[in-house]
Amino acid sequence: MPTPLGERIRRLRTQKGYTLDQLAELADSSKSYIWELENKNPPRPSAEKLAKIAEQLDTTIEYLLEGDEKITEDDAADASFYRQYRKMDSATKAKIRQMVKLWGDEK
């Protein structure tokens, strides 16, 4: 029987158009592990593997574990974007800030 964690992983995976194999490969995991997360109640899912899965699904571990009760899907996507942004070089960050400023000026 799927758990809320499994349902969220499956929903986000299918929204991105990933098969079990594709997500497993992207998250450096196995297809059977992803299937188990989606369909069973593993006693203690690996935090390291959940972090890799969350990154590939553009979300956070918190969203996968807690879901809509505390963190919305949009909040999780924003947090994921910010993690990616923080890893960018200064020039790329400056370009993104300029684009956001231009969008804000279009009122």
N, C-alpha and C. Protein backbone atom coordinates (compact mmCIF):
# COMPACT_ATOMS: atom_id res chain seq x y z
N MET A 1 0.85 -1.19 0.00
CA MET A 1 0.00 0.00 0.00
C MET A 1 0.89 1.25 0.00
N PRO A 2 0.68 2.16 -0.95
CA PRO A 2 1.51 3.37 -1.02
C PRO A 2 1.33 4.26 0.21
N THR A 3 2.41 4.92 0.55
CA THR A 3 2.41 5.89 1.64
C THR A 3 2.32 7.28 1.05
N PRO A 4 2.08 8.30 1.87
CA PRO A 4 2.11 9.67 1.33
C PRO A 4 3.46 9.98 0.64
N LEU A 5 4.56 9.49 1.20
CA LEU A 5 5.87 9.67 0.57
C LEU A 5 5.87 9.06 -0.82
N GLY A 6 5.40 7.82 -0.92
CA GLY A 6 5.37 7.13 -2.21
C GLY A 6 4.46 7.82 -3.21
N GLU A 7 3.32 8.30 -2.75
CA GLU A 7 2.39 8.99 -3.64
C GLU A 7 3.00 10.28 -4.18
N ARG A 8 3.72 11.02 -3.32
CA ARG A 8 4.34 12.27 -3.77
C ARG A 8 5.46 11.99 -4.77
N ILE A 9 6.28 10.99 -4.50
CA ILE A 9 7.36 10.65 -5.44
C ILE A 9 6.76 10.26 -6.78
N ARG A 10 5.75 9.39 -6.77
CA ARG A 10 5.13 8.95 -8.03
C ARG A 10 4.52 10.12 -8.79
N ARG A 11 3.79 10.99 -8.08
CA ARG A 11 3.15 12.12 -8.75
C ARG A 11 4.18 13.04 -9.40
N LEU A 12 5.23 13.39 -8.65
CA LEU A 12 6.26 14.28 -9.20
C LEU A 12 7.03 13.61 -10.33
N ARG A 13 7.31 12.32 -10.19
CA ARG A 13 8.03 11.58 -11.23
C ARG A 13 7.22 11.57 -12.52
N THR A 14 5.92 11.28 -12.41
CA THR A 14 5.11 11.22 -13.63
C THR A 14 4.89 12.62 -14.22
N GLN A 15 4.81 13.65 -13.38
CA GLN A 15 4.68 15.02 -13.90
C GLN A 15 5.90 15.39 -14.74
N LYS A 16 7.06 14.90 -14.35
CA LYS A 16 8.28 15.19 -15.10
C LYS A 16 8.44 14.24 -16.29
N GLY A 17 7.57 13.22 -16.37
CA GLY A 17 7.64 12.28 -17.49
C GLY A 17 8.72 11.22 -17.32
N TYR A 18 9.18 11.00 -16.09
CA TYR A 18 10.23 10.02 -15.84
C TYR A 18 9.62 8.64 -15.61
N THR A 19 10.27 7.63 -16.14
CA THR A 19 9.95 6.25 -15.78
C THR A 19 10.69 5.93 -14.48
N LEU A 20 10.37 4.80 -13.89
CA LEU A 20 11.11 4.36 -12.70
C LEU A 20 12.60 4.25 -13.03
N ASP A 21 12.91 3.66 -14.20
CA ASP A 21 14.31 3.51 -14.61
C ASP A 21 15.01 4.85 -14.74
N GLN A 22 14.34 5.82 -15.36
CA GLN A 22 14.96 7.13 -15.57
C GLN A 22 15.24 7.82 -14.24
N LEU A 23 14.27 7.84 -13.34
CA LEU A 23 14.50 8.48 -12.05
C LEU A 23 15.59 7.76 -11.27
N ALA A 24 15.58 6.45 -11.31
CA ALA A 24 16.61 5.67 -10.61
C ALA A 24 18.00 6.04 -11.13
N GLU A 25 18.14 6.12 -12.44
CA GLU A 25 19.44 6.47 -13.02
C GLU A 25 19.85 7.89 -12.64
N LEU A 26 18.93 8.84 -12.74
CA LEU A 26 19.24 10.23 -12.40
C LEU A 26 19.59 10.40 -10.92
N ALA A 27 18.95 9.61 -10.06
CA ALA A 27 19.14 9.74 -8.62
C ALA A 27 20.19 8.77 -8.09
N ASP A 28 20.89 8.10 -9.01
CA ASP A 28 21.95 7.16 -8.61
C ASP A 28 21.40 6.12 -7.63
N SER A 29 20.29 5.53 -8.05
CA SER A 29 19.61 4.55 -7.21
C SER A 29 19.23 3.37 -8.09
N SER A 30 18.44 2.47 -7.56
CA SER A 30 17.97 1.34 -8.35
C SER A 30 16.47 1.48 -8.60
N LYS A 31 16.03 0.89 -9.69
CA LYS A 31 14.60 0.91 -10.02
C LYS A 31 13.80 0.27 -8.89
N SER A 32 14.33 -0.81 -8.32
CA SER A 32 13.59 -1.50 -7.26
C SER A 32 13.47 -0.64 -6.01
N TYR A 33 14.48 0.19 -5.73
CA TYR A 33 14.41 1.06 -4.56
C TYR A 33 13.34 2.14 -4.77
N ILE A 34 13.32 2.73 -5.96
CA ILE A 34 12.30 3.75 -6.27
C ILE A 34 10.91 3.11 -6.20
N TRP A 35 10.77 1.91 -6.78
CA TRP A 35 9.49 1.21 -6.76
C TRP A 35 9.06 0.96 -5.31
N GLU A 36 10.00 0.52 -4.48
CA GLU A 36 9.68 0.26 -3.08
C GLU A 36 9.23 1.53 -2.35
N LEU A 37 9.90 2.65 -2.61
CA LEU A 37 9.49 3.90 -1.99
C LEU A 37 8.07 4.29 -2.42
N GLU A 38 7.76 4.05 -3.68
CA GLU A 38 6.44 4.42 -4.20
C GLU A 38 5.33 3.48 -3.74
N ASN A 39 5.65 2.23 -3.51
CA ASN A 39 4.60 1.24 -3.32
C ASN A 39 4.56 0.56 -1.95
N LYS A 40 5.58 0.71 -1.17
CA LYS A 40 5.62 0.06 0.13
C LYS A 40 5.91 1.08 1.21
N ASN A 41 6.05 0.61 2.41
CA ASN A 41 6.38 1.48 3.53
C ASN A 41 7.74 1.08 4.08
N PRO A 42 8.83 1.53 3.42
CA PRO A 42 10.15 1.13 3.91
C PRO A 42 10.36 1.68 5.32
N PRO A 43 10.95 0.88 6.20
CA PRO A 43 11.08 1.31 7.59
C PRO A 43 11.90 2.58 7.77
N ARG A 44 12.97 2.72 7.04
CA ARG A 44 13.82 3.90 7.17
C ARG A 44 14.44 4.23 5.82
N PRO A 45 13.76 5.01 5.02
CA PRO A 45 14.35 5.37 3.72
C PRO A 45 15.63 6.15 3.92
N SER A 46 16.59 5.92 3.06
CA SER A 46 17.88 6.57 3.15
C SER A 46 17.76 8.07 2.89
N ALA A 47 18.26 8.87 3.83
CA ALA A 47 18.22 10.33 3.65
C ALA A 47 19.05 10.75 2.44
N GLU A 48 20.17 10.09 2.23
CA GLU A 48 21.03 10.41 1.08
C GLU A 48 20.30 10.15 -0.23
N LYS A 49 19.63 9.01 -0.32
CA LYS A 49 18.90 8.69 -1.55
C LYS A 49 17.69 9.60 -1.73
N LEU A 50 16.99 9.90 -0.63
CA LEU A 50 15.85 10.83 -0.72
C LEU A 50 16.31 12.20 -1.19
N ALA A 51 17.48 12.64 -0.75
CA ALA A 51 18.01 13.94 -1.18
C ALA A 51 18.26 13.94 -2.69
N LYS A 52 18.81 12.87 -3.21
CA LYS A 52 19.08 12.78 -4.65
C LYS A 52 17.77 12.71 -5.45
N ILE A 53 16.80 11.99 -4.93
CA ILE A 53 15.50 11.90 -5.59
C ILE A 53 14.82 13.27 -5.60
N ALA A 54 14.84 13.93 -4.44
CA ALA A 54 14.23 15.26 -4.35
C ALA A 54 14.87 16.23 -5.32
N GLU A 55 16.19 16.18 -5.42
CA GLU A 55 16.90 17.09 -6.35
C GLU A 55 16.45 16.84 -7.78
N GLN A 56 16.33 15.60 -8.19
CA GLN A 56 15.91 15.28 -9.56
C GLN A 56 14.45 15.64 -9.82
N LEU A 57 13.65 15.69 -8.76
CA LEU A 57 12.24 16.03 -8.91
C LEU A 57 11.98 17.52 -8.64
N ASP A 58 13.06 18.29 -8.48
CA ASP A 58 12.96 19.74 -8.22
C ASP A 58 12.09 20.03 -7.00
N THR A 59 12.37 19.34 -5.93
CA THR A 59 11.63 19.54 -4.70
C THR A 59 12.59 19.38 -3.52
N THR A 60 12.05 19.24 -2.34
CA THR A 60 12.87 19.09 -1.14
C THR A 60 12.51 17.79 -0.42
N ILE A 61 13.41 17.33 0.41
CA ILE A 61 13.13 16.16 1.23
C ILE A 61 11.93 16.46 2.13
N GLU A 62 11.90 17.67 2.65
CA GLU A 62 10.80 18.04 3.55
C GLU A 62 9.45 17.87 2.87
N TYR A 63 9.35 18.30 1.61
CA TYR A 63 8.09 18.15 0.90
C TYR A 63 7.76 16.67 0.70
N LEU A 64 8.77 15.88 0.31
CA LEU A 64 8.51 14.46 0.10
C LEU A 64 8.02 13.79 1.38
N LEU A 65 8.59 14.17 2.52
CA LEU A 65 8.23 13.54 3.78
C LEU A 65 6.96 14.12 4.40
N GLU A 66 6.77 15.43 4.28
CA GLU A 66 5.66 16.09 4.99
C GLU A 66 4.52 16.52 4.08
N GLY A 67 4.84 16.80 2.82
CA GLY A 67 3.80 17.13 1.86
C GLY A 67 3.08 18.43 2.12
N ASP A 68 1.87 18.49 1.64
CA ASP A 68 1.06 19.70 1.64
C ASP A 68 0.71 20.22 3.03
N GLU A 69 0.79 19.35 4.04
CA GLU A 69 0.40 19.80 5.37
C GLU A 69 1.25 20.98 5.84
N LYS A 70 2.54 20.94 5.54
CA LYS A 70 3.43 22.00 6.01
C LYS A 70 4.11 22.76 4.88
N ILE A 71 4.38 22.06 3.78
CA ILE A 71 5.13 22.66 2.68
C ILE A 71 4.37 22.39 1.38
N THR A 72 4.04 23.46 0.66
CA THR A 72 3.34 23.27 -0.61
C THR A 72 4.34 22.85 -1.69
N GLU A 73 3.83 22.32 -2.76
CA GLU A 73 4.67 21.91 -3.88
C GLU A 73 5.41 23.13 -4.45
N ASP A 74 4.75 24.28 -4.51
CA ASP A 74 5.40 25.50 -5.01
C ASP A 74 6.53 25.94 -4.09
N ASP A 75 6.30 25.87 -2.77
CA ASP A 75 7.37 26.22 -1.82
C ASP A 75 8.57 25.31 -2.01
N ALA A 76 8.33 24.03 -2.20
CA ALA A 76 9.41 23.07 -2.38
C ALA A 76 10.17 23.35 -3.68
N ALA A 77 9.44 23.69 -4.75
CA ALA A 77 10.09 24.01 -6.03
C ALA A 77 10.94 25.27 -5.88
N ASP A 78 10.44 26.26 -5.14
CA ASP A 78 11.22 27.49 -4.90
C ASP A 78 12.49 27.18 -4.12
N ALA A 79 12.38 26.35 -3.10
CA ALA A 79 13.55 25.98 -2.30
C ALA A 79 14.57 25.23 -3.15
N SER A 80 14.08 24.36 -4.02
CA SER A 80 14.98 23.62 -4.91
C SER A 80 15.69 24.58 -5.87
N PHE A 81 14.93 25.52 -6.43
CA PHE A 81 15.53 26.52 -7.33
C PHE A 81 16.61 27.31 -6.60
N TYR A 82 16.33 27.72 -5.38
CA TYR A 82 17.30 28.52 -4.63
C TYR A 82 18.57 27.72 -4.34
N ARG A 83 18.43 26.42 -4.07
CA ARG A 83 19.63 25.59 -3.87
C ARG A 83 20.48 25.59 -5.13
N GLN A 84 19.82 25.47 -6.30
CA GLN A 84 20.55 25.49 -7.56
C GLN A 84 21.18 26.85 -7.79
N TYR A 85 20.45 27.90 -7.50
CA TYR A 85 20.93 29.27 -7.67
C TYR A 85 22.19 29.51 -6.83
N ARG A 86 22.19 29.03 -5.59
CA ARG A 86 23.33 29.25 -4.70
C ARG A 86 24.60 28.62 -5.23
N LYS A 87 24.49 27.59 -6.07
CA LYS A 87 25.67 26.92 -6.62
C LYS A 87 26.22 27.62 -7.87
N MET A 88 25.49 28.59 -8.39
CA MET A 88 25.89 29.26 -9.64
C MET A 88 27.01 30.26 -9.38
N ASP A 89 27.75 30.55 -10.46
CA ASP A 89 28.81 31.57 -10.34
C ASP A 89 28.18 32.96 -10.29
N SER A 90 28.97 33.92 -9.88
CA SER A 90 28.48 35.29 -9.69
C SER A 90 27.89 35.90 -10.95
N ALA A 91 28.51 35.66 -12.09
CA ALA A 91 28.03 36.24 -13.34
C ALA A 91 26.63 35.71 -13.69
N THR A 92 26.43 34.42 -13.52
CA THR A 92 25.13 33.82 -13.81
C THR A 92 24.07 34.35 -12.86
N LYS A 93 24.42 34.47 -11.57
CA LYS A 93 23.48 35.01 -10.59
C LYS A 93 23.09 36.44 -10.97
N ALA A 94 24.05 37.23 -11.42
CA ALA A 94 23.77 38.62 -11.80
C ALA A 94 22.79 38.66 -12.98
N LYS A 95 22.96 37.76 -13.94
CA LYS A 95 22.05 37.71 -15.09
C LYS A 95 20.63 37.35 -14.65
N ILE A 96 20.53 36.38 -13.76
CA ILE A 96 19.21 35.97 -13.27
C ILE A 96 18.54 37.11 -12.51
N ARG A 97 19.30 37.79 -11.66
CA ARG A 97 18.72 38.92 -10.92
C ARG A 97 18.25 40.00 -11.88
N GLN A 98 19.00 40.26 -12.94
CA GLN A 98 18.62 41.27 -13.93
C GLN A 98 17.34 40.86 -14.65
N MET A 99 17.23 39.56 -15.01
CA MET A 99 16.01 39.08 -15.68
C MET A 99 14.80 39.25 -14.77
N VAL A 100 14.95 38.91 -13.50
CA VAL A 100 13.84 39.05 -12.55
C VAL A 100 13.44 40.51 -12.41
N LYS A 101 14.44 41.40 -12.37
CA LYS A 101 14.15 42.83 -12.27
C LYS A 101 13.38 43.30 -13.49
N LEU A 102 13.78 42.87 -14.68
CA LEU A 102 13.07 43.25 -15.90
C LEU A 102 11.64 42.75 -15.90
N TRP A 103 11.41 41.53 -15.45
CA TRP A 103 10.05 40.99 -15.38
C TRP A 103 9.21 41.81 -14.41
N GLY A 104 9.79 42.22 -13.32
CA GLY A 104 9.07 43.01 -12.32
C GLY A 104 8.73 44.40 -12.81
N ASP A 105 9.54 44.93 -13.74
CA ASP A 105 9.31 46.26 -14.28
C ASP A 105 8.23 46.30 -15.36
N GLU A 106 7.73 45.14 -15.79
CA GLU A 106 6.74 45.07 -16.88
C GLU A 106 5.31 45.35 -16.44
N LYS A 107 5.11 45.92 -15.31
CA LYS A 107 3.75 46.14 -14.79
C LYS A 107 2.96 47.08 -15.60
